[in-house]
Amino acid sequence: MTYSPRPKRTEAGEQAERAAERFLQARGLRTRQRNYRCKAGEIDLVMSEADTLVFVEVRLRRSTRFASAAETVDYRKQQKLIRAAQHYLQRTGLTDRVACRFDVVAFDPKRVDQETVNWVQNAFSTL
């Protein structure tokens, strides 16, 4: 058995990330990095808006029976994103130099397009 540090990505997930990136770029955000990975976790998109660094989690749900896509970013997932963002900031030398926020871009349920996007800005904080 071979260990693969990168999980297999579904075509739908990749499509959702591309759609989210286009959606955010159309609103003035600039892409800094896609799929930043470290031992702490993964950040789907790292973008910038003016002087703010934006860490974006992209979510796609096939069904909203139990929760919407945005609601699946629970406390545990938030903590993983925060640790990954801290790693990114340290690795790039931006610690304490830039304002940061965490956004969630969610698609419900099966259509991935500009009409079904739910952009939650400043979805959670590090406090």
N, C-alpha and C. Protein backbone atom coordinates (compact mmCIF):
# COMPACT_ATOMS: atom_id res chain seq x y z
N MET A 1 0.84 -1.19 0.00
CA MET A 1 0.00 0.00 0.00
C MET A 1 0.88 1.24 0.00
N THR A 2 0.59 2.15 -0.88
CA THR A 2 1.37 3.38 -1.02
C THR A 2 0.65 4.54 -0.36
N TYR A 3 1.39 5.32 0.41
CA TYR A 3 0.82 6.50 1.06
C TYR A 3 0.84 7.66 0.09
N SER A 4 -0.29 8.31 -0.06
CA SER A 4 -0.39 9.48 -0.93
C SER A 4 -0.79 10.68 -0.07
N PRO A 5 0.09 11.68 0.08
CA PRO A 5 -0.24 12.82 0.92
C PRO A 5 -1.35 13.69 0.34
N ARG A 6 -1.59 13.59 -0.95
CA ARG A 6 -2.63 14.39 -1.59
C ARG A 6 -3.86 13.51 -1.83
N PRO A 7 -4.98 13.87 -1.22
CA PRO A 7 -6.19 13.07 -1.44
C PRO A 7 -6.66 13.19 -2.88
N LYS A 8 -7.30 12.16 -3.37
CA LYS A 8 -7.85 12.22 -4.72
C LYS A 8 -8.98 13.23 -4.74
N ARG A 9 -8.92 14.09 -5.70
CA ARG A 9 -9.92 15.14 -5.80
C ARG A 9 -10.96 14.75 -6.83
N THR A 10 -12.17 15.04 -6.53
CA THR A 10 -13.22 14.74 -7.48
C THR A 10 -13.30 15.84 -8.52
N GLU A 11 -13.78 15.47 -9.67
CA GLU A 11 -13.94 16.46 -10.73
C GLU A 11 -14.90 17.56 -10.30
N ALA A 12 -15.97 17.18 -9.58
CA ALA A 12 -16.93 18.17 -9.11
C ALA A 12 -16.27 19.14 -8.13
N GLY A 13 -15.42 18.63 -7.26
CA GLY A 13 -14.73 19.49 -6.30
C GLY A 13 -13.79 20.46 -6.99
N GLU A 14 -13.06 19.97 -7.97
CA GLU A 14 -12.16 20.85 -8.72
C GLU A 14 -12.95 21.90 -9.49
N GLN A 15 -14.09 21.51 -10.05
CA GLN A 15 -14.94 22.45 -10.76
C GLN A 15 -15.46 23.52 -9.80
N ALA A 16 -15.82 23.13 -8.60
CA ALA A 16 -16.31 24.09 -7.60
C ALA A 16 -15.20 25.07 -7.22
N GLU A 17 -13.98 24.59 -7.06
CA GLU A 17 -12.88 25.49 -6.72
C GLU A 17 -12.60 26.48 -7.84
N ARG A 18 -12.64 26.01 -9.07
CA ARG A 18 -12.42 26.93 -10.22
C ARG A 18 -13.54 27.96 -10.30
N ALA A 19 -14.78 27.52 -10.08
CA ALA A 19 -15.92 28.44 -10.13
C ALA A 19 -15.82 29.47 -9.01
N ALA A 20 -15.42 29.02 -7.82
CA ALA A 20 -15.27 29.94 -6.69
C ALA A 20 -14.18 30.97 -6.97
N GLU A 21 -13.08 30.52 -7.54
CA GLU A 21 -11.99 31.44 -7.87
C GLU A 21 -12.44 32.48 -8.88
N ARG A 22 -13.13 32.06 -9.93
CA ARG A 22 -13.64 33.02 -10.92
C ARG A 22 -14.63 33.99 -10.28
N PHE A 23 -15.50 33.47 -9.43
CA PHE A 23 -16.50 34.30 -8.75
C PHE A 23 -15.80 35.39 -7.93
N LEU A 24 -14.79 35.00 -7.16
CA LEU A 24 -14.09 35.96 -6.30
C LEU A 24 -13.25 36.94 -7.13
N GLN A 25 -12.62 36.46 -8.18
CA GLN A 25 -11.84 37.36 -9.04
C GLN A 25 -12.75 38.41 -9.68
N ALA A 26 -13.96 38.03 -10.04
CA ALA A 26 -14.91 38.97 -10.63
C ALA A 26 -15.31 40.05 -9.63
N ARG A 27 -15.09 39.79 -8.36
CA ARG A 27 -15.41 40.76 -7.30
C ARG A 27 -14.16 41.47 -6.78
N GLY A 28 -13.07 41.35 -7.53
CA GLY A 28 -11.87 42.13 -7.23
C GLY A 28 -10.79 41.44 -6.41
N LEU A 29 -10.97 40.20 -6.01
CA LEU A 29 -9.94 39.50 -5.27
C LEU A 29 -8.90 38.95 -6.24
N ARG A 30 -7.66 38.87 -5.78
CA ARG A 30 -6.57 38.35 -6.60
C ARG A 30 -6.07 37.03 -6.00
N THR A 31 -5.84 36.07 -6.86
CA THR A 31 -5.36 34.76 -6.41
C THR A 31 -3.88 34.84 -6.09
N ARG A 32 -3.53 34.35 -4.90
CA ARG A 32 -2.13 34.23 -4.52
C ARG A 32 -1.66 32.79 -4.62
N GLN A 33 -2.53 31.85 -4.23
CA GLN A 33 -2.16 30.44 -4.29
C GLN A 33 -3.41 29.57 -4.26
N ARG A 34 -3.34 28.45 -4.96
CA ARG A 34 -4.41 27.44 -4.96
C ARG A 34 -3.92 26.22 -4.20
N ASN A 35 -4.82 25.61 -3.44
CA ASN A 35 -4.56 24.34 -2.77
C ASN A 35 -3.24 24.32 -1.98
N TYR A 36 -3.12 25.25 -1.05
CA TYR A 36 -1.94 25.27 -0.19
C TYR A 36 -2.05 24.12 0.81
N ARG A 37 -1.04 23.27 0.84
CA ARG A 37 -1.06 22.10 1.72
C ARG A 37 0.13 22.11 2.66
N CYS A 38 -0.14 21.70 3.88
CA CYS A 38 0.91 21.49 4.88
C CYS A 38 0.40 20.41 5.83
N LYS A 39 1.19 20.04 6.80
CA LYS A 39 0.77 19.00 7.74
C LYS A 39 -0.48 19.40 8.53
N ALA A 40 -0.68 20.68 8.71
CA ALA A 40 -1.83 21.16 9.48
C ALA A 40 -3.14 21.02 8.70
N GLY A 41 -3.08 21.01 7.37
CA GLY A 41 -4.29 20.92 6.58
C GLY A 41 -4.11 21.53 5.21
N GLU A 42 -5.22 21.88 4.60
CA GLU A 42 -5.22 22.44 3.26
C GLU A 42 -6.10 23.68 3.21
N ILE A 43 -5.66 24.66 2.43
CA ILE A 43 -6.45 25.85 2.16
C ILE A 43 -6.74 25.83 0.67
N ASP A 44 -8.02 25.86 0.31
CA ASP A 44 -8.40 25.76 -1.10
C ASP A 44 -7.87 26.92 -1.91
N LEU A 45 -8.09 28.14 -1.43
CA LEU A 45 -7.62 29.34 -2.14
C LEU A 45 -7.05 30.33 -1.14
N VAL A 46 -5.93 30.91 -1.51
CA VAL A 46 -5.39 32.05 -0.76
C VAL A 46 -5.47 33.22 -1.72
N MET A 47 -6.23 34.24 -1.32
CA MET A 47 -6.46 35.38 -2.20
C MET A 47 -6.18 36.67 -1.43
N SER A 48 -6.13 37.76 -2.15
CA SER A 48 -5.96 39.05 -1.48
C SER A 48 -7.02 40.02 -1.99
N GLU A 49 -7.46 40.86 -1.06
CA GLU A 49 -8.42 41.91 -1.37
C GLU A 49 -7.91 43.16 -0.69
N ALA A 50 -7.46 44.11 -1.49
CA ALA A 50 -6.82 45.32 -0.96
C ALA A 50 -5.65 44.89 -0.06
N ASP A 51 -5.67 45.27 1.21
CA ASP A 51 -4.58 44.93 2.13
C ASP A 51 -4.90 43.72 3.00
N THR A 52 -5.90 42.94 2.62
CA THR A 52 -6.32 41.80 3.43
C THR A 52 -6.02 40.50 2.71
N LEU A 53 -5.45 39.56 3.43
CA LEU A 53 -5.22 38.21 2.92
C LEU A 53 -6.46 37.39 3.25
N VAL A 54 -7.02 36.71 2.25
CA VAL A 54 -8.27 35.98 2.41
C VAL A 54 -8.01 34.49 2.20
N PHE A 55 -8.28 33.71 3.24
CA PHE A 55 -8.16 32.25 3.16
C PHE A 55 -9.57 31.72 2.87
N VAL A 56 -9.70 30.99 1.76
CA VAL A 56 -11.02 30.59 1.29
C VAL A 56 -11.18 29.07 1.35
N GLU A 57 -12.26 28.64 1.98
CA GLU A 57 -12.66 27.23 1.98
C GLU A 57 -13.82 27.09 1.02
N VAL A 58 -13.69 26.19 0.05
CA VAL A 58 -14.74 25.95 -0.94
C VAL A 58 -15.45 24.66 -0.57
N ARG A 59 -16.78 24.72 -0.50
CA ARG A 59 -17.57 23.55 -0.12
C ARG A 59 -18.62 23.27 -1.18
N LEU A 60 -18.81 22.00 -1.45
CA LEU A 60 -19.82 21.54 -2.39
C LEU A 60 -20.57 20.38 -1.74
N ARG A 61 -21.89 20.47 -1.71
CA ARG A 61 -22.71 19.40 -1.15
C ARG A 61 -23.61 18.84 -2.24
N ARG A 62 -23.75 17.55 -2.22
CA ARG A 62 -24.67 16.91 -3.17
C ARG A 62 -26.10 16.96 -2.64
N SER A 63 -26.23 17.12 -1.33
CA SER A 63 -27.56 17.17 -0.72
C SER A 63 -27.51 18.11 0.48
N THR A 64 -28.59 18.83 0.70
CA THR A 64 -28.68 19.71 1.87
C THR A 64 -29.60 19.09 2.92
N ARG A 65 -29.80 17.81 2.83
CA ARG A 65 -30.73 17.12 3.75
C ARG A 65 -30.37 17.34 5.21
N PHE A 66 -29.07 17.27 5.53
CA PHE A 66 -28.65 17.40 6.92
C PHE A 66 -28.02 18.76 7.24
N ALA A 67 -27.40 19.36 6.25
CA ALA A 67 -26.78 20.68 6.47
C ALA A 67 -26.43 21.28 5.11
N SER A 68 -26.39 22.60 5.08
CA SER A 68 -25.96 23.27 3.85
C SER A 68 -24.44 23.12 3.74
N ALA A 69 -23.92 23.40 2.57
CA ALA A 69 -22.47 23.29 2.36
C ALA A 69 -21.71 24.21 3.32
N ALA A 70 -22.19 25.43 3.49
CA ALA A 70 -21.51 26.38 4.39
C ALA A 70 -21.53 25.90 5.83
N GLU A 71 -22.59 25.24 6.23
CA GLU A 71 -22.71 24.76 7.61
C GLU A 71 -21.77 23.61 7.93
N THR A 72 -21.19 22.99 6.92
CA THR A 72 -20.28 21.88 7.17
C THR A 72 -18.89 22.33 7.60
N VAL A 73 -18.64 23.62 7.59
CA VAL A 73 -17.36 24.14 8.08
C VAL A 73 -17.51 24.31 9.60
N ASP A 74 -17.37 23.19 10.28
CA ASP A 74 -17.58 23.16 11.74
C ASP A 74 -16.33 23.62 12.49
N TYR A 75 -16.43 23.61 13.80
CA TYR A 75 -15.33 24.09 14.65
C TYR A 75 -14.03 23.35 14.35
N ARG A 76 -14.09 22.04 14.20
CA ARG A 76 -12.88 21.26 13.94
C ARG A 76 -12.24 21.67 12.62
N LYS A 77 -13.06 21.85 11.57
CA LYS A 77 -12.54 22.28 10.27
C LYS A 77 -11.97 23.69 10.37
N GLN A 78 -12.63 24.55 11.11
CA GLN A 78 -12.13 25.91 11.30
C GLN A 78 -10.75 25.90 11.94
N GLN A 79 -10.55 25.05 12.94
CA GLN A 79 -9.26 24.98 13.62
C GLN A 79 -8.16 24.48 12.67
N LYS A 80 -8.49 23.53 11.81
CA LYS A 80 -7.52 23.06 10.82
C LYS A 80 -7.15 24.18 9.84
N LEU A 81 -8.16 24.94 9.41
CA LEU A 81 -7.90 26.05 8.50
C LEU A 81 -7.04 27.13 9.16
N ILE A 82 -7.32 27.41 10.41
CA ILE A 82 -6.53 28.41 11.14
C ILE A 82 -5.08 27.97 11.26
N ARG A 83 -4.85 26.70 11.60
CA ARG A 83 -3.47 26.19 11.72
C ARG A 83 -2.76 26.22 10.37
N ALA A 84 -3.46 25.86 9.30
CA ALA A 84 -2.86 25.90 7.96
C ALA A 84 -2.54 27.35 7.55
N ALA A 85 -3.43 28.27 7.90
CA ALA A 85 -3.20 29.69 7.59
C ALA A 85 -1.99 30.22 8.38
N GLN A 86 -1.86 29.82 9.63
CA GLN A 86 -0.69 30.23 10.42
C GLN A 86 0.59 29.71 9.78
N HIS A 87 0.55 28.48 9.32
CA HIS A 87 1.72 27.91 8.63
C HIS A 87 2.03 28.71 7.37
N TYR A 88 1.01 29.03 6.60
CA TYR A 88 1.22 29.82 5.37
C TYR A 88 1.85 31.18 5.71
N LEU A 89 1.32 31.83 6.73
CA LEU A 89 1.84 33.15 7.11
C LEU A 89 3.30 33.06 7.55
N GLN A 90 3.64 32.05 8.31
CA GLN A 90 5.02 31.88 8.75
C GLN A 90 5.94 31.55 7.58
N ARG A 91 5.48 30.68 6.71
CA ARG A 91 6.30 30.26 5.57
C ARG A 91 6.55 31.42 4.61
N THR A 92 5.58 32.31 4.45
CA THR A 92 5.73 33.43 3.53
C THR A 92 6.26 34.70 4.20
N GLY A 93 6.50 34.63 5.50
CA GLY A 93 7.03 35.79 6.22
C GLY A 93 6.03 36.91 6.41
N LEU A 94 4.75 36.60 6.40
CA LEU A 94 3.73 37.63 6.51
C LEU A 94 3.12 37.73 7.91
N THR A 95 3.60 36.94 8.85
CA THR A 95 3.05 36.95 10.20
C THR A 95 3.09 38.37 10.76
N ASP A 96 1.97 38.82 11.30
CA ASP A 96 1.83 40.14 11.91
C ASP A 96 2.01 41.29 10.93
N ARG A 97 2.04 41.02 9.65
CA ARG A 97 2.22 42.09 8.67
C ARG A 97 0.98 42.37 7.84
N VAL A 98 -0.01 41.50 7.95
CA VAL A 98 -1.15 41.64 7.06
C VAL A 98 -2.43 41.25 7.80
N ALA A 99 -3.51 41.94 7.48
CA ALA A 99 -4.82 41.58 8.03
C ALA A 99 -5.30 40.33 7.30
N CYS A 100 -5.98 39.46 8.03
CA CYS A 100 -6.45 38.19 7.45
C CYS A 100 -7.92 38.00 7.75
N ARG A 101 -8.57 37.21 6.89
CA ARG A 101 -9.93 36.78 7.17
C ARG A 101 -10.15 35.42 6.52
N PHE A 102 -11.19 34.75 7.00
CA PHE A 102 -11.54 33.43 6.50
C PHE A 102 -12.92 33.51 5.86
N ASP A 103 -12.99 33.15 4.58
CA ASP A 103 -14.25 33.15 3.85
C ASP A 103 -14.61 31.71 3.47
N VAL A 104 -15.89 31.49 3.30
CA VAL A 104 -16.38 30.22 2.80
C VAL A 104 -17.17 30.50 1.53
N VAL A 105 -16.88 29.75 0.48
CA VAL A 105 -17.67 29.81 -0.75
C VAL A 105 -18.31 28.44 -0.88
N ALA A 106 -19.65 28.42 -0.85
CA ALA A 106 -20.39 27.16 -0.83
C ALA A 106 -21.34 27.08 -2.01
N PHE A 107 -21.48 25.87 -2.52
CA PHE A 107 -22.40 25.60 -3.62
C PHE A 107 -23.40 24.55 -3.16
N ASP A 108 -24.68 24.82 -3.34
CA ASP A 108 -25.75 23.89 -2.96
C ASP A 108 -26.68 23.68 -4.12
N PRO A 109 -27.23 22.51 -4.30
CA PRO A 109 -26.57 21.26 -3.97
C PRO A 109 -25.79 20.70 -5.15
N LYS A 110 -26.36 20.64 -6.35
CA LYS A 110 -25.64 19.96 -7.43
C LYS A 110 -25.11 20.89 -8.51
N ARG A 111 -25.61 22.09 -8.59
CA ARG A 111 -25.17 23.03 -9.64
C ARG A 111 -24.01 23.86 -9.13
N VAL A 112 -22.96 23.89 -9.90
CA VAL A 112 -21.81 24.72 -9.57
C VAL A 112 -21.77 25.85 -10.59
N ASP A 113 -22.39 26.97 -10.23
CA ASP A 113 -22.37 28.12 -11.12
C ASP A 113 -22.55 29.39 -10.29
N GLN A 114 -22.47 30.51 -10.97
CA GLN A 114 -22.53 31.80 -10.29
C GLN A 114 -23.87 32.05 -9.61
N GLU A 115 -24.92 31.37 -10.05
CA GLU A 115 -26.24 31.59 -9.47
C GLU A 115 -26.45 30.86 -8.16
N THR A 116 -25.68 29.81 -7.90
CA THR A 116 -25.88 29.02 -6.69
C THR A 116 -24.81 29.26 -5.63
N VAL A 117 -23.95 30.21 -5.86
CA VAL A 117 -22.86 30.44 -4.91
C VAL A 117 -23.36 31.14 -3.65
N ASN A 118 -22.83 30.72 -2.52
CA ASN A 118 -23.10 31.36 -1.23
C ASN A 118 -21.74 31.77 -0.68
N TRP A 119 -21.45 33.08 -0.74
CA TRP A 119 -20.16 33.61 -0.28
C TRP A 119 -20.34 34.15 1.12
N VAL A 120 -19.72 33.52 2.08
CA VAL A 120 -19.77 33.96 3.45
C VAL A 120 -18.43 34.62 3.78
N GLN A 121 -18.44 35.94 3.79
CA GLN A 121 -17.22 36.69 4.11
C GLN A 121 -17.01 36.71 5.61
N ASN A 122 -15.74 36.61 6.01
CA ASN A 122 -15.40 36.62 7.43
C ASN A 122 -16.27 35.60 8.19
N ALA A 123 -16.28 34.38 7.67
CA ALA A 123 -17.14 33.30 8.17
C ALA A 123 -16.84 32.94 9.63
N PHE A 124 -15.58 33.06 10.03
CA PHE A 124 -15.19 32.78 11.41
C PHE A 124 -13.89 33.52 11.69
N SER A 125 -13.54 33.61 12.96
CA SER A 125 -12.33 34.33 13.33
C SER A 125 -11.42 33.42 14.15
N THR A 126 -10.24 33.90 14.41
CA THR A 126 -9.26 33.12 15.16
C THR A 126 -9.41 33.31 16.65
N LEU A 127 -10.31 34.14 17.10
CA LEU A 127 -10.49 34.38 18.54
C LEU A 127 -11.23 33.28 19.24
